[in-house]
Amino acid sequence: MNPDDPLLQILACPLDKGPLHLVVHEEERLGDSGADAARAPESLYNPRLHRRYPIVDGIPQLLPSSGEQVTEDEHVKLSALLRKSDS
């Protein structure tokens, strides 16, 4: 999914109906075999609820049950990525 994709403007979190942010996990794209390697290379993130929704084969998985709660440490990392991509 492209950060400029107009679809991102209309996608909303299934729980709070707020906007979601595209997160591209560069380490997975580069083939890192770390503990998070099973995670999709892209996801949609809701910083208000600290929930991440995977994008599988280009399709956002936006069922409430498909989202995963992230830890506080992961939230800090994702928030930093979002700030970096906004600038």
Protein backbone atom coordinates (compact mmCIF):
# COMPACT_ATOMS: atom_id res chain seq x y z
CA MET A 1 0.00 0.00 0.00
CA ASN A 2 1.28 3.45 -0.88
CA PRO A 3 1.29 6.26 1.74
CA ASP A 4 -0.45 8.51 -0.82
CA ASP A 5 -3.19 5.96 -1.50
CA PRO A 6 -6.60 7.69 -1.30
CA LEU A 7 -7.94 4.56 0.40
CA LEU A 8 -5.99 5.56 3.51
CA GLN A 9 -8.13 8.69 3.78
CA ILE A 10 -11.33 6.67 4.21
CA LEU A 11 -10.12 3.67 6.23
CA ALA A 12 -11.01 3.84 9.91
CA CYS A 13 -10.37 1.76 12.98
CA PRO A 14 -13.22 -0.69 13.49
CA LEU A 15 -13.25 0.02 17.23
CA ASP A 16 -13.11 3.81 17.61
CA LYS A 17 -13.83 4.80 13.98
CA GLY A 18 -10.80 7.13 14.01
CA PRO A 19 -8.07 7.43 11.37
CA LEU A 20 -5.38 4.81 10.90
CA HIS A 21 -1.75 5.40 9.97
CA LEU A 22 0.25 3.32 7.50
CA VAL A 23 3.41 1.84 9.00
CA VAL A 24 6.00 0.22 6.73
CA HIS A 25 8.30 -2.12 8.65
CA GLU A 26 11.55 -1.74 6.71
CA GLU A 27 13.39 -4.44 8.66
CA GLU A 28 10.97 -7.14 7.46
CA ARG A 29 11.25 -5.92 3.88
CA LEU A 30 15.00 -6.29 4.13
CA GLY A 31 14.65 -9.90 5.28
CA ASP A 32 15.48 -9.48 8.96
CA SER A 33 14.84 -12.77 10.71
CA GLY A 34 14.22 -11.26 14.14
CA ALA A 35 11.40 -12.13 16.51
CA ASP A 36 8.93 -9.91 14.63
CA ALA A 37 9.65 -11.46 11.22
CA ALA A 38 6.20 -13.10 11.15
CA ARG A 39 4.57 -9.66 11.17
CA ALA A 40 3.33 -8.27 7.86
CA PRO A 41 5.73 -5.77 6.23
CA GLU A 42 2.96 -3.17 6.34
CA SER A 43 0.27 -2.47 8.87
CA LEU A 44 -2.27 0.14 9.83
CA TYR A 45 -1.81 1.60 13.28
CA ASN A 46 -4.22 3.28 15.68
CA PRO A 47 -2.08 5.23 18.16
CA ARG A 48 -5.08 6.12 20.32
CA LEU A 49 -5.86 2.49 21.18
CA HIS A 50 -2.32 1.11 20.61
CA ARG A 51 -3.68 -1.39 18.06
CA ARG A 52 -2.06 -2.61 14.85
CA TYR A 53 -3.97 -4.13 11.93
CA PRO A 54 -2.05 -6.21 9.36
CA ILE A 55 -2.12 -5.68 5.60
CA VAL A 56 -2.06 -9.11 3.94
CA ASP A 57 -1.47 -9.31 0.18
CA GLY A 58 -2.33 -5.61 -0.06
CA ILE A 59 -5.66 -6.00 1.77
CA PRO A 60 -6.10 -4.32 5.16
CA GLN A 61 -7.44 -6.75 7.75
CA LEU A 62 -9.80 -4.48 9.67
CA LEU A 63 -11.91 -6.88 11.69
CA PRO A 64 -11.66 -6.07 15.40
CA SER A 65 -10.35 -9.59 16.02
CA SER A 66 -7.52 -9.17 13.47
CA GLY A 67 -5.99 -6.22 15.32
CA GLU A 68 -3.34 -6.77 17.93
CA GLN A 69 -2.57 -4.74 21.00
CA VAL A 70 0.99 -3.42 21.01
CA THR A 71 3.19 -2.99 24.05
CA GLU A 72 4.12 0.44 25.35
CA ASP A 73 7.66 0.02 23.95
CA GLU A 74 6.28 -0.88 20.52
CA HIS A 75 3.90 2.10 20.70
CA VAL A 76 6.85 4.44 21.31
CA LYS A 77 8.69 2.97 18.29
CA LEU A 78 5.64 3.21 16.04
CA SER A 79 4.92 6.77 17.17
CA ALA A 80 8.50 7.73 16.32
CA LEU A 81 8.14 6.13 12.87
CA LEU A 82 4.93 8.09 12.28
CA ARG A 83 6.53 11.38 13.32
CA LYS A 84 9.52 10.65 11.07
CA SER A 85 7.30 9.89 8.07
CA ASP A 86 5.21 13.04 8.64
CA SER A 87 8.26 15.31 8.39
